[in-house]
Amino acid sequence: MKQLTLVITTFLFSQFCIAQLINTKPVEIPLGPVNFNAAVVKQNKIKNIQLVMVDKPDGEMIIDKGGTQGYEFDRNGNLTRYYYTILNRTENLEEDVSQLVRRGKVVRQAGTRTVKKYYNDTIFVDVFYNNTNWVIAKRAHTGDYYDAYYYEYNAEGRIQKEVHCRETNVSENIKEFKLGVQSILSSETFQYTTLTATQLKKSCLNDEGREYKKAIINYDDHKKKLSENYEFIVSWMQADYYYKYDSTSNLIEKTFSSNESGEMKTESAYEYNAYGDVITEKRFKKGVLTDEINILYDDTTRLPKSEVNRDHINASIGIVKFGYTYYD
């Protein structure tokens, strides 16, 4: 009986260990402000995820600035399209206020009041995959142009080429893309050298085939990435990434440092519940706590239902609501 109980417990725990929808681990190609675990998306038959965001400055009412994010997935759990808003500008407007009368008494005189209106830009991004579910392109619609990135892979599944283009759309239907003018902004090729069983060298070559940057990447015995150390060949600039995990392979600490624009260091620390879901993220800049994010989950689906972000720098709280649609 004890052995049976152990087997059942181990099975349930293993199921919950892959149930983390929000992916905190390092990724080669970032897709959207939030990275999602494709296996969990597929397991839950998620078709769309919508995020609605509002702000609550300390001592003030909740402010809706129109912030939203949206994510669309195929049946394999791959993110195929996403969008997010960026605050572009604000405007103070005068609006009329009518007289307010209660129980025959005027409690507010007619007049005007100043209201702030928020204007957002919305960025749309389409993502494309090959037959092995590797990202081969992503195209972002930014104003009159599109920023497109194209990827090629080597036999080991590592990115060996990235091309960044600016493109125009000549389709009369704004929802469809038909390539017009394409201008290559940059082209990078990557070469890899295995140094040890847990260490890899990555050489970054420009469009002339010259190495301009190199990296040493370290892994643990389970192939989890531990560090990335980048160094530019002809300058003093460097960038370093470090990752720490707990005993169940959850990422618990991520550190980035660079001297590109003066000394800069950012850190993120993560906490998880018993199911392996991230419940808290704390962000630091030069050792100062800037943001503290808490995620709440639905008791039945184990999917995120809301997020509360305490912004210590701007003395406000960001509130995010998650919404889902599903495949049949």
Protein backbone atom coordinates (compact mmCIF):
# COMPACT_ATOMS: atom_id res chain seq x y z
CA MET A 1 0.00 0.00 0.00
CA LYS A 2 2.84 2.40 0.81
CA GLN A 3 4.43 1.65 -2.54
CA LEU A 4 1.11 2.30 -4.34
CA THR A 5 0.69 5.59 -2.49
CA LEU A 6 4.21 6.61 -3.44
CA VAL A 7 3.57 5.81 -7.11
CA ILE A 8 0.31 7.81 -7.15
CA THR A 9 1.93 10.75 -5.36
CA THR A 10 4.88 10.71 -7.76
CA PHE A 11 2.52 10.60 -10.76
CA LEU A 12 0.44 13.52 -9.50
CA PHE A 13 3.50 15.56 -8.65
CA SER A 14 4.99 14.95 -12.09
CA GLN A 15 1.76 16.10 -13.70
CA PHE A 16 1.72 19.33 -11.72
CA CYS A 17 5.42 19.95 -12.35
CA ILE A 18 4.71 20.58 -16.06
CA ALA A 19 1.60 22.64 -15.27
CA GLN A 20 3.39 25.96 -15.16
CA LEU A 21 1.77 28.05 -17.90
CA ILE A 22 4.09 31.04 -17.51
CA ASN A 23 7.60 30.09 -18.55
CA THR A 24 10.32 31.75 -16.46
CA LYS A 25 13.28 29.87 -17.93
CA PRO A 26 15.63 31.45 -20.51
CA VAL A 27 14.49 31.22 -24.14
CA GLU A 28 16.43 31.65 -27.37
CA ILE A 29 13.72 33.65 -29.16
CA PRO A 30 11.50 35.82 -26.92
CA LEU A 31 7.88 35.86 -28.04
CA GLY A 32 5.79 38.58 -26.43
CA PRO A 33 5.96 40.32 -23.06
CA VAL A 34 5.01 36.98 -21.44
CA ASN A 35 6.48 33.62 -22.45
CA PHE A 36 4.06 30.69 -22.23
CA ASN A 37 4.76 26.98 -21.94
CA ALA A 38 3.56 25.42 -25.21
CA ALA A 39 3.05 21.98 -23.60
CA VAL A 40 0.69 23.43 -21.00
CA VAL A 41 -1.16 25.51 -23.59
CA LYS A 42 -1.71 22.35 -25.66
CA GLN A 43 -2.64 20.26 -22.62
CA ASN A 44 -5.35 22.76 -21.65
CA LYS A 45 -6.53 23.30 -25.27
CA ILE A 46 -6.03 27.05 -24.90
CA LYS A 47 -6.88 29.03 -28.03
CA ASN A 48 -6.50 32.61 -26.78
CA ILE A 49 -5.24 34.42 -23.69
CA GLN A 50 -6.30 38.02 -23.08
CA LEU A 51 -4.73 40.31 -20.50
CA VAL A 52 -6.42 43.52 -19.33
CA MET A 53 -4.33 45.92 -17.21
CA VAL A 54 -5.21 48.85 -14.97
CA ASP A 55 -3.16 50.99 -12.57
CA LYS A 56 -3.82 52.00 -8.97
CA PRO A 57 -1.50 54.85 -7.88
CA ASP A 58 -1.10 55.13 -4.12
CA GLY A 59 -3.87 57.29 -2.66
CA GLU A 60 -5.77 57.53 -5.94
CA MET A 61 -8.58 55.79 -7.81
CA ILE A 62 -7.95 52.96 -10.28
CA ILE A 63 -6.91 54.30 -13.70
CA ASP A 64 -7.72 52.45 -16.91
CA LYS A 65 -5.10 53.45 -19.47
CA GLY A 66 -6.33 50.96 -22.04
CA GLY A 67 -3.43 48.56 -21.56
CA THR A 68 -4.03 45.13 -23.08
CA GLN A 69 -2.19 42.09 -24.37
CA GLY A 70 -3.49 39.19 -26.46
CA TYR A 71 -2.04 35.82 -27.44
CA GLU A 72 -3.29 33.31 -30.04
CA PHE A 73 -2.16 29.66 -30.18
CA ASP A 74 -2.48 26.78 -32.60
CA ARG A 75 -3.55 23.30 -31.48
CA ASN A 76 0.08 22.35 -30.80
CA GLY A 77 0.33 25.12 -28.21
CA ASN A 78 2.54 27.29 -30.42
CA LEU A 79 2.07 31.05 -30.16
CA THR A 80 1.07 32.19 -33.66
CA ARG A 81 0.07 35.81 -33.06
CA TYR A 82 0.21 38.30 -30.21
CA TYR A 83 -0.31 41.97 -29.59
CA TYR A 84 0.45 44.45 -26.83
CA THR A 85 -0.13 48.13 -26.21
CA ILE A 86 2.44 50.84 -25.53
CA LEU A 87 1.41 54.17 -24.03
CA ASN A 88 2.11 56.79 -26.69
CA ARG A 89 0.93 60.05 -25.12
CA THR A 90 -1.52 61.61 -22.69
CA GLU A 91 -3.77 64.63 -23.06
CA ASN A 92 -5.62 66.75 -20.51
CA LEU A 93 -9.17 67.56 -21.61
CA GLU A 94 -11.82 69.79 -20.13
CA GLU A 95 -15.28 68.25 -19.85
CA ASP A 96 -18.55 69.70 -18.61
CA VAL A 97 -19.91 68.65 -15.24
CA SER A 98 -23.63 68.99 -14.66
CA GLN A 99 -25.21 70.31 -11.50
CA LEU A 100 -25.88 67.63 -8.89
CA VAL A 101 -28.95 67.92 -6.68
CA ARG A 102 -29.82 65.61 -3.80
CA ARG A 103 -32.99 65.94 -1.70
CA GLY A 104 -33.65 69.33 -3.16
CA LYS A 105 -30.20 70.68 -2.32
CA VAL A 106 -27.42 71.50 -4.73
CA VAL A 107 -24.40 69.48 -3.65
CA ARG A 108 -22.33 70.25 -6.72
CA GLN A 109 -22.42 73.26 -8.99
CA ALA A 110 -22.25 72.89 -12.75
CA GLY A 111 -18.84 73.56 -14.18
CA THR A 112 -15.89 71.83 -15.83
CA ARG A 113 -13.23 69.36 -14.75
CA THR A 114 -9.95 68.19 -16.19
CA VAL A 115 -9.66 64.57 -17.25
CA LYS A 116 -6.61 62.80 -18.62
CA LYS A 117 -6.98 60.76 -21.79
CA TYR A 118 -4.54 58.02 -22.71
CA TYR A 119 -3.47 57.12 -26.26
CA ASN A 120 -1.83 53.76 -26.97
CA ASP A 121 -0.01 52.23 -29.90
CA THR A 122 -0.78 48.57 -30.52
CA ILE A 123 1.98 46.29 -31.78
CA PHE A 124 0.89 43.13 -33.64
CA VAL A 125 3.31 40.24 -34.15
CA ASP A 126 2.84 37.10 -36.26
CA VAL A 127 5.00 34.03 -35.58
CA PHE A 128 5.78 31.22 -38.06
CA TYR A 129 7.06 27.68 -37.46
CA ASN A 130 8.54 24.79 -39.43
CA ASN A 131 7.42 21.17 -39.21
CA THR A 132 9.48 20.62 -36.05
CA ASN A 133 7.77 23.54 -34.26
CA TRP A 134 10.89 25.74 -34.38
CA VAL A 135 10.32 29.45 -34.91
CA ILE A 136 11.47 30.38 -38.42
CA ALA A 137 10.12 33.95 -38.55
CA LYS A 138 8.31 36.64 -36.60
CA ARG A 139 6.92 39.83 -38.09
CA ALA A 140 5.93 42.88 -36.03
CA HIS A 141 3.64 45.58 -37.40
CA THR A 142 5.01 48.93 -36.21
CA GLY A 143 3.33 51.88 -37.90
CA ASP A 144 3.77 51.96 -41.68
CA TYR A 145 6.43 49.26 -41.66
CA TYR A 146 7.00 45.71 -40.47
CA ASP A 147 10.03 44.51 -38.54
CA ALA A 148 10.69 40.90 -39.51
CA TYR A 149 13.19 38.41 -38.12
CA TYR A 150 14.07 35.21 -39.98
CA TYR A 151 15.85 32.22 -38.38
CA GLU A 152 17.79 29.23 -39.64
CA TYR A 153 18.96 26.28 -37.55
CA ASN A 154 21.83 23.80 -37.60
CA ALA A 155 21.48 20.03 -37.20
CA GLU A 156 21.51 20.32 -33.39
CA GLY A 157 18.56 22.73 -33.41
CA ARG A 158 20.61 25.80 -32.50
CA ILE A 159 20.06 29.08 -34.30
CA GLN A 160 22.77 29.49 -36.94
CA LYS A 161 21.45 32.59 -38.71
CA GLU A 162 19.23 35.57 -37.88
CA VAL A 163 18.21 38.16 -40.46
CA HIS A 164 16.44 41.38 -39.45
CA CYS A 165 14.43 43.08 -42.21
CA ARG A 166 12.18 46.07 -42.62
CA GLU A 167 9.24 45.27 -44.89
CA THR A 168 6.18 46.88 -46.44
CA ASN A 169 2.79 45.32 -47.02
CA VAL A 170 1.16 45.83 -50.43
CA SER A 171 -1.98 43.87 -49.64
CA GLU A 172 -5.23 45.83 -49.85
CA ASN A 173 -6.52 43.77 -46.92
CA ILE A 174 -4.81 44.99 -43.74
CA LYS A 175 -5.38 41.57 -42.14
CA GLU A 176 -3.31 39.88 -44.83
CA PHE A 177 0.38 40.33 -45.59
CA LYS A 178 1.79 40.52 -49.09
CA LEU A 179 5.46 41.40 -49.24
CA GLY A 180 6.32 44.64 -50.99
CA VAL A 181 9.73 46.20 -50.37
CA GLN A 182 12.16 44.31 -48.15
CA SER A 183 15.31 45.93 -46.75
CA ILE A 184 17.85 43.91 -44.79
CA LEU A 185 18.89 45.82 -41.68
CA SER A 186 21.25 43.21 -40.26
CA SER A 187 22.35 39.63 -40.79
CA GLU A 188 24.10 37.52 -38.17
CA THR A 189 25.55 34.03 -38.39
CA PHE A 190 26.33 31.90 -35.35
CA GLN A 191 28.93 29.16 -35.00
CA TYR A 192 29.19 26.80 -32.04
CA THR A 193 32.15 24.96 -30.58
CA THR A 194 31.74 22.31 -27.89
CA LEU A 195 34.43 22.92 -25.26
CA THR A 196 33.31 20.37 -22.66
CA ALA A 197 30.19 18.29 -21.97
CA THR A 198 28.69 21.29 -20.17
CA GLN A 199 30.35 24.25 -21.91
CA LEU A 200 29.75 25.76 -25.33
CA LYS A 201 31.39 28.60 -27.23
CA LYS A 202 29.15 30.74 -29.45
CA SER A 203 30.75 32.92 -32.13
CA CYS A 204 28.65 35.77 -33.57
CA LEU A 205 29.58 36.82 -37.12
CA ASN A 206 28.38 39.96 -38.90
CA ASP A 207 27.17 40.14 -42.50
CA GLU A 208 30.80 40.23 -43.68
CA GLY A 209 31.53 36.94 -41.93
CA ARG A 210 33.71 38.54 -39.26
CA GLU A 211 33.42 37.59 -35.61
CA TYR A 212 32.38 40.64 -33.64
CA LYS A 213 31.11 38.99 -30.46
CA LYS A 214 31.64 35.71 -28.66
CA ALA A 215 30.01 33.94 -25.74
CA ILE A 216 30.79 31.14 -23.33
CA ILE A 217 27.63 29.27 -22.30
CA ASN A 218 27.61 26.90 -19.34
CA TYR A 219 25.07 24.18 -18.53
CA ASP A 220 24.56 21.77 -15.68
CA ASP A 221 24.47 18.00 -16.09
CA HIS A 222 20.74 18.18 -16.93
CA LYS A 223 21.30 20.69 -19.78
CA LYS A 224 19.83 23.62 -17.84
CA LYS A 225 21.54 26.86 -18.78
CA LEU A 226 23.62 28.29 -15.93
CA SER A 227 25.34 31.28 -17.50
CA GLU A 228 26.01 33.20 -20.71
CA ASN A 229 29.05 35.45 -20.88
CA TYR A 230 29.22 37.72 -23.96
CA GLU A 231 32.26 39.74 -24.97
CA PHE A 232 32.66 42.10 -27.93
CA ILE A 233 35.86 41.52 -29.88
CA VAL A 234 36.96 45.09 -30.63
CA SER A 235 35.59 46.93 -27.60
CA TRP A 236 35.46 46.75 -23.86
CA MET A 237 31.74 45.92 -23.73
CA GLN A 238 30.49 42.72 -22.18
CA ALA A 239 27.22 41.23 -20.93
CA ASP A 240 26.64 38.40 -18.48
CA TYR A 241 23.58 36.29 -17.65
CA TYR A 242 23.39 33.93 -14.67
CA TYR A 243 20.64 31.46 -13.75
CA LYS A 244 19.92 29.47 -10.58
CA TYR A 245 17.41 26.64 -10.11
CA ASP A 246 15.84 24.78 -7.21
CA SER A 247 15.88 21.00 -6.72
CA THR A 248 12.84 20.59 -8.99
CA SER A 249 14.46 22.58 -11.86
CA ASN A 250 12.39 25.74 -11.33
CA LEU A 251 14.30 28.93 -12.11
CA ILE A 252 14.67 30.83 -8.84
CA GLU A 253 17.13 33.58 -9.77
CA LYS A 254 18.12 35.39 -12.95
CA THR A 255 20.85 38.04 -13.11
CA PHE A 256 21.93 40.30 -15.96
CA SER A 257 24.86 42.70 -15.90
CA SER A 258 26.42 44.86 -18.61
CA ASN A 259 28.83 47.75 -19.00
CA GLU A 260 27.44 48.88 -22.37
CA SER A 261 25.86 52.08 -20.97
CA GLY A 262 27.68 52.32 -17.69
CA GLU A 263 27.55 49.60 -15.07
CA MET A 264 24.10 48.03 -15.02
CA LYS A 265 22.78 45.06 -13.08
CA THR A 266 19.26 43.67 -12.92
CA GLU A 267 18.00 40.67 -10.99
CA SER A 268 14.80 38.65 -10.79
CA ALA A 269 13.93 36.23 -7.98
CA TYR A 270 11.08 33.71 -8.27
CA GLU A 271 8.99 31.74 -5.78
CA TYR A 272 6.73 28.79 -6.59
CA ASN A 273 3.82 26.95 -5.00
CA ALA A 274 3.64 23.19 -4.42
CA TYR A 275 2.39 22.65 -7.99
CA GLY A 276 5.39 24.36 -9.57
CA ASP A 277 3.49 27.51 -10.51
CA VAL A 278 5.39 30.77 -10.17
CA ILE A 279 3.57 32.86 -7.55
CA THR A 280 6.01 35.72 -6.90
CA GLU A 281 8.61 37.56 -8.91
CA LYS A 282 10.77 40.29 -7.39
CA ARG A 283 12.77 42.54 -9.68
CA PHE A 284 15.84 44.49 -8.63
CA LYS A 285 17.96 47.12 -10.33
CA LYS A 286 21.39 47.77 -8.86
CA GLY A 287 20.25 46.01 -5.71
CA VAL A 288 17.09 48.12 -5.26
CA LEU A 289 13.69 46.40 -5.32
CA THR A 290 11.70 47.94 -8.19
CA ASP A 291 8.77 45.56 -8.75
CA GLU A 292 7.07 42.80 -6.79
CA ILE A 293 4.67 40.67 -8.81
CA ASN A 294 2.20 38.23 -7.25
CA ILE A 295 0.20 35.80 -9.41
CA LEU A 296 -3.09 34.23 -8.33
CA TYR A 297 -4.38 30.96 -9.81
CA ASP A 298 -7.76 29.40 -10.42
CA ASP A 299 -8.31 26.57 -7.94
CA THR A 300 -9.83 24.30 -10.58
CA THR A 301 -7.84 24.90 -13.77
CA ARG A 302 -4.54 25.89 -12.08
CA LEU A 303 -4.24 28.65 -14.68
CA PRO A 304 -3.37 32.26 -13.75
CA LYS A 305 -6.44 34.39 -13.12
CA SER A 306 -4.88 37.67 -12.00
CA GLU A 307 -1.61 39.40 -11.30
CA VAL A 308 -0.76 42.22 -8.92
CA ASN A 309 2.40 44.23 -9.56
CA ARG A 310 3.66 46.51 -6.82
CA ASP A 311 5.74 49.22 -8.52
CA HIS A 312 7.99 50.54 -5.75
CA ILE A 313 9.59 53.22 -7.92
CA ASN A 314 6.36 54.87 -9.11
CA ALA A 315 4.36 54.08 -5.95
CA SER A 316 1.55 52.29 -7.74
CA ILE A 317 -0.04 48.88 -8.18
CA GLY A 318 -0.67 47.30 -11.56
CA ILE A 319 -3.60 44.87 -11.74
CA VAL A 320 -3.83 42.31 -14.56
CA LYS A 321 -6.81 40.08 -15.32
CA PHE A 322 -6.37 36.90 -17.41
CA GLY A 323 -9.07 35.63 -19.75
CA TYR A 324 -9.11 32.43 -21.82
CA THR A 325 -10.88 30.86 -24.78
CA TYR A 326 -10.46 27.20 -25.65
CA TYR A 327 -10.53 24.80 -28.57
CA ASP A 328 -13.47 22.38 -28.63
